[in-house]
Amino acid sequence: MDRCPFCGGDLEERAIRYPQEYEGRIVILANVPAQVCRQCGEVFLEPAVIERVQRLVWESPPPRQTLEVPVYDLAEAS
């Protein structure tokens, strides 16, 4: 795929940070190979990459780093 199916923009290969929710927790995977639209920013992952992401999340090895993530509730915001 060389064009974004949503906006028609050019795609470029990048290594991204990819958040994944699993069993009520969010993990962030670093250096995930992806195609990213230069125009709208939509991210596309190859099926093999998705399989690697799922396997890593399911296996839950010790993380390289732990980050604190703020959570905001839009329903409570005025």
PDB file of N, CA and C in Angstrom:
ATOM      1  N   MET A   1       0.855  -1.168   0.000  1.00  0.00           N
ATOM      2  CA  MET A   1       0.000   0.000   0.000  1.00  0.00           C
ATOM      3  C   MET A   1       0.905   1.237   0.000  1.00  0.00           C
ATOM      4  N   ASP A   2       0.654   2.139  -0.938  1.00  0.00           N
ATOM      5  CA  ASP A   2       1.472   3.347  -0.991  1.00  0.00           C
ATOM      6  C   ASP A   2       0.631   4.610  -0.860  1.00  0.00           C
ATOM      7  N   ARG A   3      -0.700   4.466  -0.829  1.00  0.00           N
ATOM      8  CA  ARG A   3      -1.601   5.593  -0.643  1.00  0.00           C
ATOM      9  C   ARG A   3      -2.563   5.286   0.499  1.00  0.00           C
ATOM     10  N   CYS A   4      -2.899   6.314   1.258  1.00  0.00           N
ATOM     11  CA  CYS A   4      -3.844   6.168   2.363  1.00  0.00           C
ATOM     12  C   CYS A   4      -5.242   5.911   1.799  1.00  0.00           C
ATOM     13  N   PRO A   5      -5.903   4.843   2.237  1.00  0.00           N
ATOM     14  CA  PRO A   5      -7.251   4.568   1.730  1.00  0.00           C
ATOM     15  C   PRO A   5      -8.293   5.560   2.247  1.00  0.00           C
ATOM     16  N   PHE A   6      -7.948   6.352   3.248  1.00  0.00           N
ATOM     17  CA  PHE A   6      -8.900   7.316   3.802  1.00  0.00           C
ATOM     18  C   PHE A   6      -8.832   8.669   3.108  1.00  0.00           C
ATOM     19  N   CYS A   7      -7.609   9.197   2.892  1.00  0.00           N
ATOM     20  CA  CYS A   7      -7.493  10.548   2.330  1.00  0.00           C
ATOM     21  C   CYS A   7      -6.715  10.592   1.022  1.00  0.00           C
ATOM     22  N   GLY A   8      -6.068   9.479   0.663  1.00  0.00           N
ATOM     23  CA  GLY A   8      -5.289   9.449  -0.576  1.00  0.00           C
ATOM     24  C   GLY A   8      -3.872   9.970  -0.432  1.00  0.00           C
ATOM     25  N   GLY A   9      -3.458  10.338   0.805  1.00  0.00           N
ATOM     26  CA  GLY A   9      -2.113  10.845   1.037  1.00  0.00           C
ATOM     27  C   GLY A   9      -1.050   9.782   0.882  1.00  0.00           C
ATOM     28  N   ASP A  10       0.199  10.227   0.771  1.00  0.00           N
ATOM     29  CA  ASP A  10       1.338   9.317   0.664  1.00  0.00           C
ATOM     30  C   ASP A  10       1.621   8.670   2.020  1.00  0.00           C
ATOM     31  N   LEU A  11       2.007   7.401   1.994  1.00  0.00           N
ATOM     32  CA  LEU A  11       2.399   6.685   3.208  1.00  0.00           C
ATOM     33  C   LEU A  11       3.909   6.626   3.284  1.00  0.00           C
ATOM     34  N   GLU A  12       4.431   6.700   4.512  1.00  0.00           N
ATOM     35  CA  GLU A  12       5.867   6.540   4.716  1.00  0.00           C
ATOM     36  C   GLU A  12       6.108   5.558   5.849  1.00  0.00           C
ATOM     37  N   GLU A  13       7.205   4.823   5.735  1.00  0.00           N
ATOM     38  CA  GLU A  13       7.602   3.877   6.776  1.00  0.00           C
ATOM     39  C   GLU A  13       8.171   4.652   7.953  1.00  0.00           C
ATOM     40  N   ARG A  14       7.711   4.296   9.159  1.00  0.00           N
ATOM     41  CA  ARG A  14       8.222   4.915  10.384  1.00  0.00           C
ATOM     42  C   ARG A  14       8.231   3.871  11.493  1.00  0.00           C
ATOM     43  N   ALA A  15       9.046   4.111  12.493  1.00  0.00           N
ATOM     44  CA  ALA A  15       9.006   3.343  13.742  1.00  0.00           C
ATOM     45  C   ALA A  15       8.222   4.219  14.726  1.00  0.00           C
ATOM     46  N   ILE A  16       7.117   3.695  15.252  1.00  0.00           N
ATOM     47  CA  ILE A  16       6.227   4.490  16.088  1.00  0.00           C
ATOM     48  C   ILE A  16       6.097   3.882  17.480  1.00  0.00           C
ATOM     49  N   ARG A  17       5.526   4.666  18.388  1.00  0.00           N
ATOM     50  CA  ARG A  17       5.061   4.145  19.675  1.00  0.00           C
ATOM     51  C   ARG A  17       3.611   3.755  19.477  1.00  0.00           C
ATOM     52  N   TYR A  18       3.265   2.541  19.891  1.00  0.00           N
ATOM     53  CA  TYR A  18       1.925   2.009  19.640  1.00  0.00           C
ATOM     54  C   TYR A  18       1.274   1.612  20.959  1.00  0.00           C
ATOM     55  N   PRO A  19       0.198   2.319  21.365  1.00  0.00           N
ATOM     56  CA  PRO A  19      -0.493   1.929  22.597  1.00  0.00           C
ATOM     57  C   PRO A  19      -1.434   0.762  22.319  1.00  0.00           C
ATOM     58  N   GLN A  20      -1.506  -0.168  23.271  1.00  0.00           N
ATOM     59  CA  GLN A  20      -2.374  -1.341  23.132  1.00  0.00           C
ATOM     60  C   GLN A  20      -3.058  -1.591  24.463  1.00  0.00           C
ATOM     61  N   GLU A  21      -4.375  -1.711  24.462  1.00  0.00           N
ATOM     62  CA  GLU A  21      -5.113  -2.035  25.677  1.00  0.00           C
ATOM     63  C   GLU A  21      -5.325  -3.537  25.739  1.00  0.00           C
ATOM     64  N   TYR A  22      -5.114  -4.115  26.921  1.00  0.00           N
ATOM     65  CA  TYR A  22      -5.291  -5.553  27.115  1.00  0.00           C
ATOM     66  C   TYR A  22      -5.627  -5.805  28.571  1.00  0.00           C
ATOM     67  N   GLU A  23      -6.750  -6.457  28.792  1.00  0.00           N
ATOM     68  CA  GLU A  23      -7.219  -6.816  30.132  1.00  0.00           C
ATOM     69  C   GLU A  23      -7.215  -5.620  31.087  1.00  0.00           C
ATOM     70  N   GLY A  24      -7.745  -4.489  30.615  1.00  0.00           N
ATOM     71  CA  GLY A  24      -7.898  -3.320  31.467  1.00  0.00           C
ATOM     72  C   GLY A  24      -6.640  -2.503  31.694  1.00  0.00           C
ATOM     73  N   ARG A  25      -5.566  -2.826  31.017  1.00  0.00           N
ATOM     74  CA  ARG A  25      -4.345  -2.049  31.168  1.00  0.00           C
ATOM     75  C   ARG A  25      -3.863  -1.620  29.789  1.00  0.00           C
ATOM     76  N   ILE A  26      -3.097  -0.563  29.789  1.00  0.00           N
ATOM     77  CA  ILE A  26      -2.552  -0.060  28.528  1.00  0.00           C
ATOM     78  C   ILE A  26      -1.047  -0.254  28.551  1.00  0.00           C
ATOM     79  N   VAL A  27      -0.537  -0.827  27.487  1.00  0.00           N
ATOM     80  CA  VAL A  27       0.911  -0.954  27.324  1.00  0.00           C
ATOM     81  C   VAL A  27       1.303  -0.145  26.092  1.00  0.00           C
ATOM     82  N   ILE A  28       2.511   0.359  26.085  1.00  0.00           N
ATOM     83  CA  ILE A  28       3.018   1.114  24.950  1.00  0.00           C
ATOM     84  C   ILE A  28       4.201   0.354  24.380  1.00  0.00           C
ATOM     85  N   LEU A  29       4.120   0.041  23.117  1.00  0.00           N
ATOM     86  CA  LEU A  29       5.199  -0.663  22.438  1.00  0.00           C
ATOM     87  C   LEU A  29       6.006   0.352  21.637  1.00  0.00           C
ATOM     88  N   ALA A  30       7.301   0.329  21.793  1.00  0.00           N
ATOM     89  CA  ALA A  30       8.188   1.264  21.100  1.00  0.00           C
ATOM     90  C   ALA A  30       8.780   0.611  19.856  1.00  0.00           C
ATOM     91  N   ASN A  31       9.148   1.431  18.914  1.00  0.00           N
ATOM     92  CA  ASN A  31       9.821   0.994  17.686  1.00  0.00           C
ATOM     93  C   ASN A  31       9.007  -0.006  16.872  1.00  0.00           C
ATOM     94  N   VAL A  32       7.710   0.249  16.770  1.00  0.00           N
ATOM     95  CA  VAL A  32       6.825  -0.607  15.983  1.00  0.00           C
ATOM     96  C   VAL A  32       6.872  -0.123  14.533  1.00  0.00           C
ATOM     97  N   PRO A  33       7.231  -1.007  13.586  1.00  0.00           N
ATOM     98  CA  PRO A  33       7.261  -0.595  12.182  1.00  0.00           C
ATOM     99  C   PRO A  33       5.834  -0.380  11.666  1.00  0.00           C
ATOM    100  N   ALA A  34       5.618   0.770  11.026  1.00  0.00           N
ATOM    101  CA  ALA A  34       4.285   1.106  10.544  1.00  0.00           C
ATOM    102  C   ALA A  34       4.378   1.959   9.298  1.00  0.00           C
ATOM    103  N   GLN A  35       3.283   1.994   8.575  1.00  0.00           N
ATOM    104  CA  GLN A  35       3.131   2.950   7.496  1.00  0.00           C
ATOM    105  C   GLN A  35       2.225   4.043   8.026  1.00  0.00           C
ATOM    106  N   VAL A  36       2.657   5.299   7.899  1.00  0.00           N
ATOM    107  CA  VAL A  36       1.916   6.437   8.433  1.00  0.00           C
ATOM    108  C   VAL A  36       1.619   7.405   7.293  1.00  0.00           C
ATOM    109  N   CYS A  37       0.366   7.848   7.217  1.00  0.00           N
ATOM    110  CA  CYS A  37      -0.030   8.792   6.176  1.00  0.00           C
ATOM    111  C   CYS A  37       0.570  10.163   6.479  1.00  0.00           C
ATOM    112  N   ARG A  38       1.234  10.735   5.506  1.00  0.00           N
ATOM    113  CA  ARG A  38       1.844  12.059   5.666  1.00  0.00           C
ATOM    114  C   ARG A  38       0.790  13.157   5.748  1.00  0.00           C
ATOM    115  N   GLN A  39      -0.395  12.882   5.246  1.00  0.00           N
ATOM    116  CA  GLN A  39      -1.433  13.911   5.196  1.00  0.00           C
ATOM    117  C   GLN A  39      -2.339  13.874   6.425  1.00  0.00           C
ATOM    118  N   CYS A  40      -2.907  12.707   6.761  1.00  0.00           N
ATOM    119  CA  CYS A  40      -3.889  12.641   7.857  1.00  0.00           C
ATOM    120  C   CYS A  40      -3.352  11.972   9.115  1.00  0.00           C
ATOM    121  N   GLY A  41      -2.182  11.310   9.022  1.00  0.00           N
ATOM    122  CA  GLY A  41      -1.578  10.692  10.194  1.00  0.00           C
ATOM    123  C   GLY A  41      -2.093   9.303  10.523  1.00  0.00           C
ATOM    124  N   GLU A  42      -2.991   8.758   9.703  1.00  0.00           N
ATOM    125  CA  GLU A  42      -3.513   7.408   9.950  1.00  0.00           C
ATOM    126  C   GLU A  42      -2.353   6.409   9.945  1.00  0.00           C
ATOM    127  N   VAL A  43      -2.437   5.422  10.845  1.00  0.00           N
ATOM    128  CA  VAL A  43      -1.363   4.437  11.023  1.00  0.00           C
ATOM    129  C   VAL A  43      -1.840   3.081  10.522  1.00  0.00           C
ATOM    130  N   PHE A  44      -0.977   2.393   9.786  1.00  0.00           N
ATOM    131  CA  PHE A  44      -1.282   1.065   9.257  1.00  0.00           C
ATOM    132  C   PHE A  44      -0.173   0.103   9.666  1.00  0.00           C
ATOM    133  N   LEU A  45      -0.569  -1.045  10.230  1.00  0.00           N
ATOM    134  CA  LEU A  45       0.376  -2.079  10.634  1.00  0.00           C
ATOM    135  C   LEU A  45       0.181  -3.308   9.757  1.00  0.00           C
ATOM    136  N   GLU A  46       1.276  -3.931   9.390  1.00  0.00           N
ATOM    137  CA  GLU A  46       1.220  -5.182   8.636  1.00  0.00           C
ATOM    138  C   GLU A  46       0.700  -6.291   9.552  1.00  0.00           C
ATOM    139  N   PRO A  47       0.008  -7.300   9.007  1.00  0.00           N
ATOM    140  CA  PRO A  47      -0.499  -8.400   9.833  1.00  0.00           C
ATOM    141  C   PRO A  47       0.582  -9.077  10.680  1.00  0.00           C
ATOM    142  N   ALA A  48       1.784  -9.248  10.142  1.00  0.00           N
ATOM    143  CA  ALA A  48       2.862  -9.883  10.905  1.00  0.00           C
ATOM    144  C   ALA A  48       3.266  -9.027  12.104  1.00  0.00           C
ATOM    145  N   VAL A  49       3.228  -7.708  11.946  1.00  0.00           N
ATOM    146  CA  VAL A  49       3.562  -6.804  13.050  1.00  0.00           C
ATOM    147  C   VAL A  49       2.480  -6.892  14.119  1.00  0.00           C
ATOM    148  N   ILE A  50       1.223  -6.932  13.712  1.00  0.00           N
ATOM    149  CA  ILE A  50       0.116  -7.066  14.673  1.00  0.00           C
ATOM    150  C   ILE A  50       0.263  -8.355  15.469  1.00  0.00           C
ATOM    151  N   GLU A  51       0.639  -9.439  14.814  1.00  0.00           N
ATOM    152  CA  GLU A  51       0.848 -10.712  15.508  1.00  0.00           C
ATOM    153  C   GLU A  51       1.964 -10.594  16.546  1.00  0.00           C
ATOM    154  N   ARG A  52       3.054  -9.919  16.196  1.00  0.00           N
ATOM    155  CA  ARG A  52       4.169  -9.725  17.142  1.00  0.00           C
ATOM    156  C   ARG A  52       3.722  -8.888  18.329  1.00  0.00           C
ATOM    157  N   VAL A  53       2.941  -7.828  18.064  1.00  0.00           N
ATOM    158  CA  VAL A  53       2.421  -6.966  19.129  1.00  0.00           C
ATOM    159  C   VAL A  53       1.544  -7.790  20.065  1.00  0.00           C
ATOM    160  N   GLN A  54       0.608  -8.551  19.517  1.00  0.00           N
ATOM    161  CA  GLN A  54      -0.284  -9.369  20.341  1.00  0.00           C
ATOM    162  C   GLN A  54       0.485 -10.382  21.170  1.00  0.00           C
ATOM    163  N   ARG A  55       1.441 -11.054  20.573  1.00  0.00           N
ATOM    164  CA  ARG A  55       2.218 -12.066  21.288  1.00  0.00           C
ATOM    165  C   ARG A  55       2.968 -11.436  22.465  1.00  0.00           C
ATOM    166  N   LEU A  56       3.575 -10.279  22.228  1.00  0.00           N
ATOM    167  CA  LEU A  56       4.327  -9.602  23.280  1.00  0.00           C
ATOM    168  C   LEU A  56       3.402  -9.167  24.417  1.00  0.00           C
ATOM    169  N   VAL A  57       2.254  -8.612  24.083  1.00  0.00           N
ATOM    170  CA  VAL A  57       1.302  -8.165  25.100  1.00  0.00           C
ATOM    171  C   VAL A  57       0.769  -9.351  25.894  1.00  0.00           C
ATOM    172  N   TRP A  58       0.437 -10.449  25.221  1.00  0.00           N
ATOM    173  CA  TRP A  58      -0.092 -11.637  25.901  1.00  0.00           C
ATOM    174  C   TRP A  58       0.950 -12.281  26.812  1.00  0.00           C
ATOM    175  N   GLU A  59       2.209 -12.288  26.383  1.00  0.00           N
ATOM    176  CA  GLU A  59       3.263 -12.926  27.181  1.00  0.00           C
ATOM    177  C   GLU A  59       3.665 -12.091  28.392  1.00  0.00           C
ATOM    178  N   SER A  60       3.462 -10.785  28.322  1.00  0.00           N
ATOM    179  CA  SER A  60       3.754  -9.854  29.422  1.00  0.00           C
ATOM    180  C   SER A  60       5.147 -10.022  30.032  1.00  0.00           C
ATOM    181  N   PRO A  61       6.195  -9.933  29.215  1.00  0.00           N
ATOM    182  CA  PRO A  61       7.539  -9.978  29.805  1.00  0.00           C
ATOM    183  C   PRO A  61       7.777  -8.699  30.613  1.00  0.00           C
ATOM    184  N   PRO A  62       8.803  -8.663  31.439  1.00  0.00           N
ATOM    185  CA  PRO A  62       9.089  -7.436  32.185  1.00  0.00           C
ATOM    186  C   PRO A  62       9.324  -6.273  31.211  1.00  0.00           C
ATOM    187  N   PRO A  63       8.713  -5.122  31.475  1.00  0.00           N
ATOM    188  CA  PRO A  63       8.879  -4.001  30.548  1.00  0.00           C
ATOM    189  C   PRO A  63      10.267  -3.371  30.664  1.00  0.00           C
ATOM    190  N   ARG A  64      10.701  -2.758  29.600  1.00  0.00           N
ATOM    191  CA  ARG A  64      11.966  -2.030  29.594  1.00  0.00           C
ATOM    192  C   ARG A  64      11.856  -0.756  30.416  1.00  0.00           C
ATOM    193  N   GLN A  65      10.645  -0.193  30.447  1.00  0.00           N
ATOM    194  CA  GLN A  65      10.411   1.085  31.110  1.00  0.00           C
ATOM    195  C   GLN A  65       8.948   1.129  31.553  1.00  0.00           C
ATOM    196  N   THR A  66       8.666   1.854  32.618  1.00  0.00           N
ATOM    197  CA  THR A  66       7.297   2.074  33.065  1.00  0.00           C
ATOM    198  C   THR A  66       7.040   3.572  33.101  1.00  0.00           C
ATOM    199  N   LEU A  67       5.899   3.984  32.532  1.00  0.00           N
ATOM    200  CA  LEU A  67       5.538   5.392  32.478  1.00  0.00           C
ATOM    201  C   LEU A  67       4.259   5.628  33.277  1.00  0.00           C
ATOM    202  N   GLU A  68       4.099   6.836  33.785  1.00  0.00           N
ATOM    203  CA  GLU A  68       2.861   7.231  34.434  1.00  0.00           C
ATOM    204  C   GLU A  68       2.002   7.918  33.371  1.00  0.00           C
ATOM    205  N   VAL A  69       0.730   7.512  33.262  1.00  0.00           N
ATOM    206  CA  VAL A  69      -0.145   8.039  32.224  1.00  0.00           C
ATOM    207  C   VAL A  69      -1.354   8.699  32.884  1.00  0.00           C
ATOM    208  N   PRO A  70      -1.591   9.995  32.631  1.00  0.00           N
ATOM    209  CA  PRO A  70      -2.781  10.632  33.185  1.00  0.00           C
ATOM    210  C   PRO A  70      -4.047  10.145  32.469  1.00  0.00           C
ATOM    211  N   VAL A  71      -5.149  10.095  33.190  1.00  0.00           N
ATOM    212  CA  VAL A  71      -6.434   9.686  32.640  1.00  0.00           C
ATOM    213  C   VAL A  71      -7.425  10.817  32.875  1.00  0.00           C
ATOM    214  N   TYR A  72      -8.070  11.260  31.829  1.00  0.00           N
ATOM    215  CA  TYR A  72      -9.081  12.302  31.910  1.00  0.00           C
ATOM    216  C   TYR A  72     -10.432  11.715  31.535  1.00  0.00           C
ATOM    217  N   ASP A  73     -11.491  12.185  32.193  1.00  0.00           N
ATOM    218  CA  ASP A  73     -12.846  11.727  31.901  1.00  0.00           C
ATOM    219  C   ASP A  73     -13.605  12.873  31.247  1.00  0.00           C
ATOM    220  N   LEU A  74     -13.912  12.733  29.986  1.00  0.00           N
ATOM    221  CA  LEU A  74     -14.584  13.792  29.251  1.00  0.00           C
ATOM    222  C   LEU A  74     -15.983  14.052  29.783  1.00  0.00           C
ATOM    223  N   ALA A  75     -16.636  13.016  30.318  1.00  0.00           N
ATOM    224  CA  ALA A  75     -17.979  13.190  30.878  1.00  0.00           C
ATOM    225  C   ALA A  75     -17.958  14.094  32.112  1.00  0.00           C
ATOM    226  N   GLU A  76     -16.852  14.108  32.822  1.00  0.00           N
ATOM    227  CA  GLU A  76     -16.742  14.932  34.035  1.00  0.00           C
ATOM    228  C   GLU A  76     -16.199  16.327  33.752  1.00  0.00           C
ATOM    229  N   ALA A  77     -15.655  16.535  32.560  1.00  0.00           N
ATOM    230  CA  ALA A  77     -15.074  17.847  32.213  1.00  0.00           C
ATOM    231  C   ALA A  77     -16.185  18.837  31.888  1.00  0.00           C
ATOM    232  N   SER A  78     -16.003  20.056  32.313  1.00  0.00           N
ATOM    233  CA  SER A  78     -17.039  21.064  32.023  1.00  0.00           C
ATOM    234  C   SER A  78     -16.791  21.778  30.728  1.00  0.00           C
TER     235      SER A  78
END
